[in-house]
Each structure stands twice: as structure tokens, then as C-alpha cells.
Amino acid sequence: MAYWECPPATICCRKSKVRSLMCAGGEIGKDACKGDGGSPLACPLQSDPNRYEQVGIVNYGLGCGTTIPAVYTDVSKMRTWIDYQIRENSNAYQPQNADDGGKLRKEYFRNL
């Protein structure tokens, strides 16, 4: 859900309608926790549930595994900036040449 649609408890600056943030989770036992900041939020692809796509980056939350969703940076809103930063700071980054389009595979999440 969009950041400004998140429950009031998770919003530090609700009136700003920060478009690069979103909420996810809010299910008991399924949420970001302390130390997870910067970790990926990945979802299975609808076309192939054995492949995952990174959609967010853990930003912050209240508690761990509660009914209050955590707040994530929406990767789709930051993609241009992310690509620019990696391109400027890495000699090897070429997203158009990635074998699997940069998608994460289910086996990476097997032990989570």
C-alpha cells in the first residue's frame, strides 16, 4: 500500500505523502525486525512463483512481527537513482546484460 495509506502508527510524516515509501507486512510473525534495515522485500513473480523480484528495501517499523505493517523504500520509485549510483560506483554493473533480469530465485530464500 502507498505510504500515506499506512496505519497512523507507522507514519512519521504522513502529510508529506512520501512517494518513495510503501508499507507491507502487518501479519503476526511476518515482518521486518531490529537489524533488518536495508534488507530486501522480495515477492514471487505472478508469471513464475519460483522466481522473486525485489520490490522494497526495509526502512523502519514498530516492533517485530506485529499487526502494524513496516515501512519500506519502494524500489520501483528509486530505480533510476539506484542504477545511477551503482553505475557510477562500479565498473562491472550492466543491468541490461543480467542473465535473469536481476530477479532473485526461490532457492536464495530456502533457509529464511
PDB file of N, CA and C in Angstrom:
ATOM      1  N   MET A   1       0.840  -1.183   0.000  1.00  0.00           N
ATOM      2  CA  MET A   1       0.000   0.000   0.000  1.00  0.00           C
ATOM      3  C   MET A   1       0.874   1.232   0.000  1.00  0.00           C
ATOM      4  N   ALA A   2       0.364   2.299  -0.503  1.00  0.00           N
ATOM      5  CA  ALA A   2       1.116   3.555  -0.526  1.00  0.00           C
ATOM      6  C   ALA A   2       1.368   4.029   0.900  1.00  0.00           C
ATOM      7  N   TYR A   3       2.464   4.750   1.078  1.00  0.00           N
ATOM      8  CA  TYR A   3       2.873   5.199   2.411  1.00  0.00           C
ATOM      9  C   TYR A   3       1.789   5.998   3.112  1.00  0.00           C
ATOM     10  N   TRP A   4       1.109   6.887   2.398  1.00  0.00           N
ATOM     11  CA  TRP A   4       0.099   7.719   3.057  1.00  0.00           C
ATOM     12  C   TRP A   4      -1.160   6.937   3.391  1.00  0.00           C
ATOM     13  N   GLU A   5      -1.263   5.673   2.936  1.00  0.00           N
ATOM     14  CA  GLU A   5      -2.379   4.803   3.301  1.00  0.00           C
ATOM     15  C   GLU A   5      -2.028   3.895   4.475  1.00  0.00           C
ATOM     16  N   CYS A   6      -0.794   3.950   4.943  1.00  0.00           N
ATOM     17  CA  CYS A   6      -0.344   3.116   6.056  1.00  0.00           C
ATOM     18  C   CYS A   6      -1.075   3.516   7.333  1.00  0.00           C
ATOM     19  N   PRO A   7      -1.161   2.585   8.295  1.00  0.00           N
ATOM     20  CA  PRO A   7      -1.772   2.926   9.578  1.00  0.00           C
ATOM     21  C   PRO A   7      -1.046   4.095  10.235  1.00  0.00           C
ATOM     22  N   PRO A   8      -1.763   4.972  10.926  1.00  0.00           N
ATOM     23  CA  PRO A   8      -1.148   6.155  11.539  1.00  0.00           C
ATOM     24  C   PRO A   8       0.052   5.848  12.424  1.00  0.00           C
ATOM     25  N   ALA A   9       0.075   4.705  13.082  1.00  0.00           N
ATOM     26  CA  ALA A   9       1.178   4.381  13.994  1.00  0.00           C
ATOM     27  C   ALA A   9       2.518   4.282  13.275  1.00  0.00           C
ATOM     28  N   THR A  10       2.516   3.975  11.987  1.00  0.00           N
ATOM     29  CA  THR A  10       3.780   3.799  11.261  1.00  0.00           C
ATOM     30  C   THR A  10       4.252   5.068  10.570  1.00  0.00           C
ATOM     31  N   ILE A  11       3.496   6.110  10.634  1.00  0.00           N
ATOM     32  CA  ILE A  11       3.801   7.294   9.837  1.00  0.00           C
ATOM     33  C   ILE A  11       4.416   8.408  10.661  1.00  0.00           C
ATOM     34  N   CYS A  12       5.620   8.804  10.249  1.00  0.00           N
ATOM     35  CA  CYS A  12       6.301   9.887  10.959  1.00  0.00           C
ATOM     36  C   CYS A  12       5.977  11.233  10.326  1.00  0.00           C
ATOM     37  N   CYS A  13       5.685  11.220   9.078  1.00  0.00           N
ATOM     38  CA  CYS A  13       5.416  12.483   8.372  1.00  0.00           C
ATOM     39  C   CYS A  13       4.322  12.251   7.335  1.00  0.00           C
ATOM     40  N   ARG A  14       3.178  11.759   7.774  1.00  0.00           N
ATOM     41  CA  ARG A  14       2.081  11.343   6.901  1.00  0.00           C
ATOM     42  C   ARG A  14       1.668  12.407   5.888  1.00  0.00           C
ATOM     43  N   LYS A  15       1.645  13.659   6.275  1.00  0.00           N
ATOM     44  CA  LYS A  15       1.155  14.715   5.389  1.00  0.00           C
ATOM     45  C   LYS A  15       2.052  14.937   4.180  1.00  0.00           C
ATOM     46  N   SER A  16       3.300  14.484   4.246  1.00  0.00           N
ATOM     47  CA  SER A  16       4.211  14.726   3.130  1.00  0.00           C
ATOM     48  C   SER A  16       3.947  13.806   1.947  1.00  0.00           C
ATOM     49  N   LYS A  17       3.204  12.730   2.147  1.00  0.00           N
ATOM     50  CA  LYS A  17       2.908  11.765   1.083  1.00  0.00           C
ATOM     51  C   LYS A  17       4.184  11.356   0.350  1.00  0.00           C
ATOM     52  N   VAL A  18       5.108  10.802   1.083  1.00  0.00           N
ATOM     53  CA  VAL A  18       6.394  10.384   0.532  1.00  0.00           C
ATOM     54  C   VAL A  18       6.156   9.265  -0.480  1.00  0.00           C
ATOM     55  N   ARG A  19       6.350   9.563  -1.747  1.00  0.00           N
ATOM     56  CA  ARG A  19       6.020   8.613  -2.809  1.00  0.00           C
ATOM     57  C   ARG A  19       7.019   7.466  -2.943  1.00  0.00           C
ATOM     58  N   SER A  20       8.185   7.603  -2.348  1.00  0.00           N
ATOM     59  CA  SER A  20       9.188   6.546  -2.473  1.00  0.00           C
ATOM     60  C   SER A  20       9.073   5.509  -1.359  1.00  0.00           C
ATOM     61  N   LEU A  21       8.068   5.623  -0.491  1.00  0.00           N
ATOM     62  CA  LEU A  21       7.874   4.670   0.599  1.00  0.00           C
ATOM     63  C   LEU A  21       6.571   3.913   0.423  1.00  0.00           C
ATOM     64  N   MET A  22       6.526   2.704   0.992  1.00  0.00           N
ATOM     65  CA  MET A  22       5.307   1.898   0.994  1.00  0.00           C
ATOM     66  C   MET A  22       5.286   1.053   2.256  1.00  0.00           C
ATOM     67  N   CYS A  23       4.137   0.522   2.595  1.00  0.00           N
ATOM     68  CA  CYS A  23       4.004  -0.368   3.750  1.00  0.00           C
ATOM     69  C   CYS A  23       3.766  -1.790   3.265  1.00  0.00           C
ATOM     70  N   ALA A  24       4.230  -2.747   4.047  1.00  0.00           N
ATOM     71  CA  ALA A  24       3.980  -4.157   3.756  1.00  0.00           C
ATOM     72  C   ALA A  24       4.061  -4.918   5.068  1.00  0.00           C
ATOM     73  N   GLY A  25       3.501  -6.102   5.073  1.00  0.00           N
ATOM     74  CA  GLY A  25       3.508  -6.919   6.287  1.00  0.00           C
ATOM     75  C   GLY A  25       2.243  -6.693   7.082  1.00  0.00           C
ATOM     76  N   GLY A  26       2.404  -6.607   8.383  1.00  0.00           N
ATOM     77  CA  GLY A  26       1.247  -6.436   9.235  1.00  0.00           C
ATOM     78  C   GLY A  26       0.597  -7.750   9.612  1.00  0.00           C
ATOM     79  N   GLU A  27       1.290  -8.857   9.379  1.00  0.00           N
ATOM     80  CA  GLU A  27       0.806 -10.173   9.783  1.00  0.00           C
ATOM     81  C   GLU A  27       1.663 -10.655  10.942  1.00  0.00           C
ATOM     82  N   ILE A  28       1.040 -11.282  11.917  1.00  0.00           N
ATOM     83  CA  ILE A  28       1.772 -11.792  13.074  1.00  0.00           C
ATOM     84  C   ILE A  28       2.898 -12.711  12.602  1.00  0.00           C
ATOM     85  N   GLY A  29       4.109 -12.427  13.056  1.00  0.00           N
ATOM     86  CA  GLY A  29       5.267 -13.255  12.744  1.00  0.00           C
ATOM     87  C   GLY A  29       5.886 -13.023  11.377  1.00  0.00           C
ATOM     88  N   LYS A  30       5.328 -12.124  10.577  1.00  0.00           N
ATOM     89  CA  LYS A  30       5.861 -11.856   9.235  1.00  0.00           C
ATOM     90  C   LYS A  30       6.102 -10.365   9.109  1.00  0.00           C
ATOM     91  N   ASP A  31       7.319  -9.946   9.391  1.00  0.00           N
ATOM     92  CA  ASP A  31       7.600  -8.518   9.383  1.00  0.00           C
ATOM     93  C   ASP A  31       9.102  -8.303   9.485  1.00  0.00           C
ATOM     94  N   ALA A  32       9.512  -7.079   9.233  1.00  0.00           N
ATOM     95  CA  ALA A  32      10.896  -6.688   9.464  1.00  0.00           C
ATOM     96  C   ALA A  32      11.106  -6.527  10.965  1.00  0.00           C
ATOM     97  N   CYS A  33      12.349  -6.658  11.409  1.00  0.00           N
ATOM     98  CA  CYS A  33      12.659  -6.552  12.832  1.00  0.00           C
ATOM     99  C   CYS A  33      13.970  -5.787  12.996  1.00  0.00           C
ATOM    100  N   LYS A  34      14.408  -5.633  14.233  1.00  0.00           N
ATOM    101  CA  LYS A  34      15.664  -4.927  14.508  1.00  0.00           C
ATOM    102  C   LYS A  34      16.799  -5.565  13.716  1.00  0.00           C
ATOM    103  N   GLY A  35      17.613  -4.717  13.123  1.00  0.00           N
ATOM    104  CA  GLY A  35      18.753  -5.198  12.354  1.00  0.00           C
ATOM    105  C   GLY A  35      18.440  -5.509  10.906  1.00  0.00           C
ATOM    106  N   ASP A  36      17.181  -5.415  10.500  1.00  0.00           N
ATOM    107  CA  ASP A  36      16.794  -5.736   9.127  1.00  0.00           C
ATOM    108  C   ASP A  36      16.897  -4.555   8.166  1.00  0.00           C
ATOM    109  N   GLY A  37      17.169  -3.367   8.676  1.00  0.00           N
ATOM    110  CA  GLY A  37      17.238  -2.184   7.821  1.00  0.00           C
ATOM    111  C   GLY A  37      18.165  -2.401   6.640  1.00  0.00           C
ATOM    112  N   GLY A  38      17.697  -2.064   5.448  1.00  0.00           N
ATOM    113  CA  GLY A  38      18.473  -2.246   4.229  1.00  0.00           C
ATOM    114  C   GLY A  38      18.267  -3.592   3.565  1.00  0.00           C
ATOM    115  N   SER A  39      17.566  -4.501   4.233  1.00  0.00           N
ATOM    116  CA  SER A  39      17.300  -5.824   3.660  1.00  0.00           C
ATOM    117  C   SER A  39      16.237  -5.732   2.569  1.00  0.00           C
ATOM    118  N   PRO A  40      16.210  -6.716   1.663  1.00  0.00           N
ATOM    119  CA  PRO A  40      15.226  -6.669   0.579  1.00  0.00           C
ATOM    120  C   PRO A  40      13.841  -7.148   1.004  1.00  0.00           C
ATOM    121  N   LEU A  41      12.828  -6.593   0.375  1.00  0.00           N
ATOM    122  CA  LEU A  41      11.468  -7.125   0.415  1.00  0.00           C
ATOM    123  C   LEU A  41      11.260  -7.718  -0.965  1.00  0.00           C
ATOM    124  N   ALA A  42      11.137  -9.031  -1.039  1.00  0.00           N
ATOM    125  CA  ALA A  42      11.016  -9.714  -2.322  1.00  0.00           C
ATOM    126  C   ALA A  42       9.676 -10.429  -2.404  1.00  0.00           C
ATOM    127  N   CYS A  43       9.089 -10.415  -3.578  1.00  0.00           N
ATOM    128  CA  CYS A  43       7.798 -11.058  -3.821  1.00  0.00           C
ATOM    129  C   CYS A  43       7.929 -12.014  -4.997  1.00  0.00           C
ATOM    130  N   PRO A  44       7.185 -13.139  -4.957  1.00  0.00           N
ATOM    131  CA  PRO A  44       7.221 -14.045  -6.102  1.00  0.00           C
ATOM    132  C   PRO A  44       6.578 -13.390  -7.324  1.00  0.00           C
ATOM    133  N   LEU A  45       7.113 -13.703  -8.477  1.00  0.00           N
ATOM    134  CA  LEU A  45       6.536 -13.199  -9.724  1.00  0.00           C
ATOM    135  C   LEU A  45       5.215 -13.911  -9.984  1.00  0.00           C
ATOM    136  N   GLN A  46       4.224 -13.202 -10.470  1.00  0.00           N
ATOM    137  CA  GLN A  46       2.945 -13.829 -10.799  1.00  0.00           C
ATOM    138  C   GLN A  46       3.108 -14.832 -11.928  1.00  0.00           C
ATOM    139  N   SER A  47       3.984 -14.536 -12.865  1.00  0.00           N
ATOM    140  CA  SER A  47       4.191 -15.416 -14.015  1.00  0.00           C
ATOM    141  C   SER A  47       4.987 -16.671 -13.677  1.00  0.00           C
ATOM    142  N   ASP A  48       5.784 -16.631 -12.609  1.00  0.00           N
ATOM    143  CA  ASP A  48       6.602 -17.774 -12.197  1.00  0.00           C
ATOM    144  C   ASP A  48       6.867 -17.674 -10.698  1.00  0.00           C
ATOM    145  N   PRO A  49       6.031 -18.317  -9.873  1.00  0.00           N
ATOM    146  CA  PRO A  49       6.169 -18.197  -8.420  1.00  0.00           C
ATOM    147  C   PRO A  49       7.467 -18.769  -7.848  1.00  0.00           C
ATOM    148  N   ASN A  50       8.288 -19.410  -8.680  1.00  0.00           N
ATOM    149  CA  ASN A  50       9.588 -19.897  -8.226  1.00  0.00           C
ATOM    150  C   ASN A  50      10.668 -18.839  -8.381  1.00  0.00           C
ATOM    151  N   ARG A  51      10.310 -17.692  -8.946  1.00  0.00           N
ATOM    152  CA  ARG A  51      11.251 -16.582  -9.113  1.00  0.00           C
ATOM    153  C   ARG A  51      10.739 -15.386  -8.330  1.00  0.00           C
ATOM    154  N   TYR A  52      11.670 -14.625  -7.781  1.00  0.00           N
ATOM    155  CA  TYR A  52      11.323 -13.486  -6.934  1.00  0.00           C
ATOM    156  C   TYR A  52      11.838 -12.187  -7.532  1.00  0.00           C
ATOM    157  N   GLU A  53      11.158 -11.112  -7.192  1.00  0.00           N
ATOM    158  CA  GLU A  53      11.545  -9.780  -7.623  1.00  0.00           C
ATOM    159  C   GLU A  53      11.651  -8.893  -6.388  1.00  0.00           C
ATOM    160  N   GLN A  54      12.746  -8.141  -6.284  1.00  0.00           N
ATOM    161  CA  GLN A  54      12.882  -7.220  -5.157  1.00  0.00           C
ATOM    162  C   GLN A  54      11.992  -6.018  -5.417  1.00  0.00           C
ATOM    163  N   VAL A  55      11.085  -5.744  -4.464  1.00  0.00           N
ATOM    164  CA  VAL A  55      10.157  -4.623  -4.613  1.00  0.00           C
ATOM    165  C   VAL A  55      10.392  -3.534  -3.581  1.00  0.00           C
ATOM    166  N   GLY A  56      11.125  -3.861  -2.524  1.00  0.00           N
ATOM    167  CA  GLY A  56      11.342  -2.872  -1.477  1.00  0.00           C
ATOM    168  C   GLY A  56      12.636  -3.085  -0.725  1.00  0.00           C
ATOM    169  N   ILE A  57      12.967  -2.093   0.102  1.00  0.00           N
ATOM    170  CA  ILE A  57      14.121  -2.144   0.998  1.00  0.00           C
ATOM    171  C   ILE A  57      13.616  -1.741   2.374  1.00  0.00           C
ATOM    172  N   VAL A  58      13.912  -2.561   3.390  1.00  0.00           N
ATOM    173  CA  VAL A  58      13.431  -2.271   4.743  1.00  0.00           C
ATOM    174  C   VAL A  58      13.890  -0.886   5.164  1.00  0.00           C
ATOM    175  N   ASN A  59      12.935  -0.070   5.583  1.00  0.00           N
ATOM    176  CA  ASN A  59      13.214   1.278   6.050  1.00  0.00           C
ATOM    177  C   ASN A  59      13.077   1.321   7.569  1.00  0.00           C
ATOM    178  N   TYR A  60      11.874   1.113   8.090  1.00  0.00           N
ATOM    179  CA  TYR A  60      11.677   1.071   9.537  1.00  0.00           C
ATOM    180  C   TYR A  60      10.334   0.426   9.871  1.00  0.00           C
ATOM    181  N   GLY A  61      10.164   0.100  11.126  1.00  0.00           N
ATOM    182  CA  GLY A  61       8.906  -0.464  11.603  1.00  0.00           C
ATOM    183  C   GLY A  61       8.775  -0.248  13.095  1.00  0.00           C
ATOM    184  N   LEU A  62       7.641  -0.649  13.623  1.00  0.00           N
ATOM    185  CA  LEU A  62       7.381  -0.565  15.059  1.00  0.00           C
ATOM    186  C   LEU A  62       7.200  -1.980  15.579  1.00  0.00           C
ATOM    187  N   GLY A  63       8.130  -2.426  16.403  1.00  0.00           N
ATOM    188  CA  GLY A  63       8.048  -3.790  16.908  1.00  0.00           C
ATOM    189  C   GLY A  63       8.467  -4.793  15.848  1.00  0.00           C
ATOM    190  N   CYS A  64       8.261  -6.065  16.169  1.00  0.00           N
ATOM    191  CA  CYS A  64       8.637  -7.150  15.265  1.00  0.00           C
ATOM    192  C   CYS A  64       7.473  -8.118  15.129  1.00  0.00           C
ATOM    193  N   GLY A  65       7.052  -8.367  13.920  1.00  0.00           N
ATOM    194  CA  GLY A  65       6.019  -9.360  13.677  1.00  0.00           C
ATOM    195  C   GLY A  65       4.676  -9.026  14.292  1.00  0.00           C
ATOM    196  N   THR A  66       4.336  -7.748  14.343  1.00  0.00           N
ATOM    197  CA  THR A  66       3.047  -7.341  14.904  1.00  0.00           C
ATOM    198  C   THR A  66       2.041  -7.136  13.775  1.00  0.00           C
ATOM    199  N   THR A  67       0.874  -6.662  14.108  1.00  0.00           N
ATOM    200  CA  THR A  67      -0.140  -6.384  13.088  1.00  0.00           C
ATOM    201  C   THR A  67       0.055  -5.016  12.440  1.00  0.00           C
ATOM    202  N   ILE A  68       1.092  -4.291  12.841  1.00  0.00           N
ATOM    203  CA  ILE A  68       1.387  -2.982  12.251  1.00  0.00           C
ATOM    204  C   ILE A  68       2.396  -3.185  11.123  1.00  0.00           C
ATOM    205  N   PRO A  69       2.058  -2.818   9.891  1.00  0.00           N
ATOM    206  CA  PRO A  69       2.990  -3.005   8.772  1.00  0.00           C
ATOM    207  C   PRO A  69       4.276  -2.204   8.956  1.00  0.00           C
ATOM    208  N   ALA A  70       5.348  -2.712   8.371  1.00  0.00           N
ATOM    209  CA  ALA A  70       6.620  -1.991   8.353  1.00  0.00           C
ATOM    210  C   ALA A  70       6.639  -1.066   7.138  1.00  0.00           C
ATOM    211  N   VAL A  71       7.570  -0.121   7.148  1.00  0.00           N
ATOM    212  CA  VAL A  71       7.708   0.838   6.054  1.00  0.00           C
ATOM    213  C   VAL A  71       8.950   0.467   5.244  1.00  0.00           C
ATOM    214  N   TYR A  72       8.790   0.456   3.936  1.00  0.00           N
ATOM    215  CA  TYR A  72       9.843   0.065   3.007  1.00  0.00           C
ATOM    216  C   TYR A  72      10.055   1.161   1.967  1.00  0.00           C
ATOM    217  N   THR A  73      11.275   1.249   1.447  1.00  0.00           N
ATOM    218  CA  THR A  73      11.526   2.090   0.286  1.00  0.00           C
ATOM    219  C   THR A  73      11.031   1.321  -0.927  1.00  0.00           C
ATOM    220  N   ASP A  74      10.232   1.945  -1.760  1.00  0.00           N
ATOM    221  CA  ASP A  74       9.681   1.332  -2.966  1.00  0.00           C
ATOM    222  C   ASP A  74      10.750   1.382  -4.058  1.00  0.00           C
ATOM    223  N   VAL A  75      11.326   0.225  -4.374  1.00  0.00           N
ATOM    224  CA  VAL A  75      12.425   0.145  -5.338  1.00  0.00           C
ATOM    225  C   VAL A  75      12.013   0.690  -6.708  1.00  0.00           C
ATOM    226  N   SER A  76      10.771   0.477  -7.108  1.00  0.00           N
ATOM    227  CA  SER A  76      10.339   0.959  -8.426  1.00  0.00           C
ATOM    228  C   SER A  76      10.398   2.479  -8.525  1.00  0.00           C
ATOM    229  N   LYS A  77      10.226   3.158  -7.417  1.00  0.00           N
ATOM    230  CA  LYS A  77      10.265   4.623  -7.413  1.00  0.00           C
ATOM    231  C   LYS A  77      11.700   5.153  -7.360  1.00  0.00           C
ATOM    232  N   MET A  78      12.646   4.280  -7.000  1.00  0.00           N
ATOM    233  CA  MET A  78      14.038   4.693  -6.839  1.00  0.00           C
ATOM    234  C   MET A  78      14.961   4.052  -7.873  1.00  0.00           C
ATOM    235  N   ARG A  79      14.415   3.320  -8.834  1.00  0.00           N
ATOM    236  CA  ARG A  79      15.216   2.529  -9.768  1.00  0.00           C
ATOM    237  C   ARG A  79      16.234   3.370 -10.539  1.00  0.00           C
ATOM    238  N   THR A  80      15.842   4.524 -11.031  1.00  0.00           N
ATOM    239  CA  THR A  80      16.772   5.368 -11.782  1.00  0.00           C
ATOM    240  C   THR A  80      17.948   5.775 -10.913  1.00  0.00           C
ATOM    241  N   TRP A  81      17.669   6.182  -9.682  1.00  0.00           N
ATOM    242  CA  TRP A  81      18.726   6.594  -8.757  1.00  0.00           C
ATOM    243  C   TRP A  81      19.619   5.409  -8.401  1.00  0.00           C
ATOM    244  N   ILE A  82      19.023   4.243  -8.135  1.00  0.00           N
ATOM    245  CA  ILE A  82      19.799   3.046  -7.788  1.00  0.00           C
ATOM    246  C   ILE A  82      20.737   2.683  -8.941  1.00  0.00           C
ATOM    247  N   ASP A  83      20.198   2.617 -10.158  1.00  0.00           N
ATOM    248  CA  ASP A  83      21.029   2.288 -11.323  1.00  0.00           C
ATOM    249  C   ASP A  83      22.164   3.293 -11.496  1.00  0.00           C
ATOM    250  N   TYR A  84      21.873   4.570 -11.326  1.00  0.00           N
ATOM    251  CA  TYR A  84      22.897   5.604 -11.465  1.00  0.00           C
ATOM    252  C   TYR A  84      24.008   5.415 -10.433  1.00  0.00           C
ATOM    253  N   GLN A  85      23.635   5.204  -9.165  1.00  0.00           N
ATOM    254  CA  GLN A  85      24.625   5.052  -8.102  1.00  0.00           C
ATOM    255  C   GLN A  85      25.516   3.836  -8.333  1.00  0.00           C
ATOM    256  N   ILE A  86      24.917   2.737  -8.737  1.00  0.00           N
ATOM    257  CA  ILE A  86      25.707   1.524  -8.978  1.00  0.00           C
ATOM    258  C   ILE A  86      26.605   1.722 -10.194  1.00  0.00           C
ATOM    259  N   ARG A  87      26.060   2.288 -11.247  1.00  0.00           N
ATOM    260  CA  ARG A  87      26.843   2.527 -12.467  1.00  0.00           C
ATOM    261  C   ARG A  87      28.036   3.441 -12.186  1.00  0.00           C
ATOM    262  N   GLU A  88      27.827   4.476 -11.395  1.00  0.00           N
ATOM    263  CA  GLU A  88      28.892   5.429 -11.094  1.00  0.00           C
ATOM    264  C   GLU A  88      29.945   4.859 -10.146  1.00  0.00           C
ATOM    265  N   ASN A  89      29.580   3.843  -9.385  1.00  0.00           N
ATOM    266  CA  ASN A  89      30.487   3.312  -8.368  1.00  0.00           C
ATOM    267  C   ASN A  89      30.952   1.892  -8.646  1.00  0.00           C
ATOM    268  N   SER A  90      30.680   1.371  -9.835  1.00  0.00           N
ATOM    269  CA  SER A  90      31.084   0.014 -10.170  1.00  0.00           C
ATOM    270  C   SER A  90      31.438  -0.053 -11.652  1.00  0.00           C
ATOM    271  N   ASN A  91      32.556  -0.688 -11.953  1.00  0.00           N
ATOM    272  CA  ASN A  91      32.967  -0.850 -13.346  1.00  0.00           C
ATOM    273  C   ASN A  91      32.231  -1.987 -14.041  1.00  0.00           C
ATOM    274  N   ALA A  92      31.642  -2.894 -13.261  1.00  0.00           N
ATOM    275  CA  ALA A  92      31.076  -4.107 -13.836  1.00  0.00           C
ATOM    276  C   ALA A  92      29.559  -4.075 -14.007  1.00  0.00           C
ATOM    277  N   TYR A  93      28.870  -3.091 -13.463  1.00  0.00           N
ATOM    278  CA  TYR A  93      27.404  -3.105 -13.462  1.00  0.00           C
ATOM    279  C   TYR A  93      26.831  -2.835 -14.852  1.00  0.00           C
ATOM    280  N   GLN A  94      26.073  -3.794 -15.364  1.00  0.00           N
ATOM    281  CA  GLN A  94      25.386  -3.644 -16.638  1.00  0.00           C
ATOM    282  C   GLN A  94      24.029  -4.332 -16.525  1.00  0.00           C
ATOM    283  N   PRO A  95      22.997  -3.652 -16.002  1.00  0.00           N
ATOM    284  CA  PRO A  95      21.715  -4.305 -15.743  1.00  0.00           C
ATOM    285  C   PRO A  95      21.067  -4.908 -16.977  1.00  0.00           C
ATOM    286  N   GLN A  96      21.290  -4.342 -18.156  1.00  0.00           N
ATOM    287  CA  GLN A  96      20.674  -4.881 -19.362  1.00  0.00           C
ATOM    288  C   GLN A  96      21.258  -6.230 -19.757  1.00  0.00           C
ATOM    289  N   ASN A  97      22.413  -6.618 -19.189  1.00  0.00           N
ATOM    290  CA  ASN A  97      23.055  -7.879 -19.533  1.00  0.00           C
ATOM    291  C   ASN A  97      22.855  -8.971 -18.493  1.00  0.00           C
ATOM    292  N   ALA A  98      22.063  -8.710 -17.460  1.00  0.00           N
ATOM    293  CA  ALA A  98      21.853  -9.725 -16.421  1.00  0.00           C
ATOM    294  C   ALA A  98      21.131 -10.928 -17.023  1.00  0.00           C
ATOM    295  N   ASP A  99      21.622 -12.132 -16.730  1.00  0.00           N
ATOM    296  CA  ASP A  99      21.049 -13.361 -17.292  1.00  0.00           C
ATOM    297  C   ASP A  99      19.578 -13.531 -16.967  1.00  0.00           C
ATOM    298  N   ASP A 100      19.191 -13.197 -15.751  1.00  0.00           N
ATOM    299  CA  ASP A 100      17.800 -13.424 -15.344  1.00  0.00           C
ATOM    300  C   ASP A 100      17.072 -12.110 -15.061  1.00  0.00           C
ATOM    301  N   GLY A 101      17.541 -11.026 -15.617  1.00  0.00           N
ATOM    302  CA  GLY A 101      16.879  -9.741 -15.437  1.00  0.00           C
ATOM    303  C   GLY A 101      16.979  -9.193 -14.035  1.00  0.00           C
ATOM    304  N   GLY A 102      17.920  -9.703 -13.247  1.00  0.00           N
ATOM    305  CA  GLY A 102      18.078  -9.206 -11.885  1.00  0.00           C
ATOM    306  C   GLY A 102      17.086  -9.795 -10.907  1.00  0.00           C
ATOM    307  N   LYS A 103      16.328 -10.805 -11.317  1.00  0.00           N
ATOM    308  CA  LYS A 103      15.332 -11.418 -10.438  1.00  0.00           C
ATOM    309  C   LYS A 103      16.014 -12.398  -9.484  1.00  0.00           C
ATOM    310  N   LEU A 104      15.507 -12.487  -8.286  1.00  0.00           N
ATOM    311  CA  LEU A 104      16.022 -13.436  -7.308  1.00  0.00           C
ATOM    312  C   LEU A 104      15.282 -14.753  -7.467  1.00  0.00           C
ATOM    313  N   ARG A 105      15.966 -15.828  -7.271  1.00  0.00           N
ATOM    314  CA  ARG A 105      15.338 -17.143  -7.395  1.00  0.00           C
ATOM    315  C   ARG A 105      14.959 -17.683  -6.019  1.00  0.00           C
ATOM    316  N   LYS A 106      13.948 -18.528  -6.009  1.00  0.00           N
ATOM    317  CA  LYS A 106      13.401 -19.067  -4.768  1.00  0.00           C
ATOM    318  C   LYS A 106      14.467 -19.739  -3.908  1.00  0.00           C
ATOM    319  N   GLU A 107      15.448 -20.402  -4.516  1.00  0.00           N
ATOM    320  CA  GLU A 107      16.464 -21.110  -3.735  1.00  0.00           C
ATOM    321  C   GLU A 107      17.264 -20.184  -2.822  1.00  0.00           C
ATOM    322  N   TYR A 108      17.326 -18.899  -3.145  1.00  0.00           N
ATOM    323  CA  TYR A 108      18.030 -17.955  -2.279  1.00  0.00           C
ATOM    324  C   TYR A 108      17.298 -17.750  -0.957  1.00  0.00           C
ATOM    325  N   PHE A 109      16.014 -18.059  -0.928  1.00  0.00           N
ATOM    326  CA  PHE A 109      15.195 -17.821   0.254  1.00  0.00           C
ATOM    327  C   PHE A 109      14.859 -19.111   0.999  1.00  0.00           C
ATOM    328  N   ARG A 110      15.433 -20.227   0.578  1.00  0.00           N
ATOM    329  CA  ARG A 110      15.086 -21.532   1.119  1.00  0.00           C
ATOM    330  C   ARG A 110      15.221 -21.603   2.638  1.00  0.00           C
ATOM    331  N   ASN A 111      16.270 -21.020   3.214  1.00  0.00           N
ATOM    332  CA  ASN A 111      16.527 -21.163   4.648  1.00  0.00           C
ATOM    333  C   ASN A 111      16.070 -19.969   5.472  1.00  0.00           C
ATOM    334  N   LEU A 112      15.260 -19.115   4.916  1.00  0.00           N
ATOM    335  CA  LEU A 112      14.789 -17.943   5.659  1.00  0.00           C
ATOM    336  C   LEU A 112      13.617 -18.290   6.544  1.00  0.00           C
TER     337      LEU A 112
END
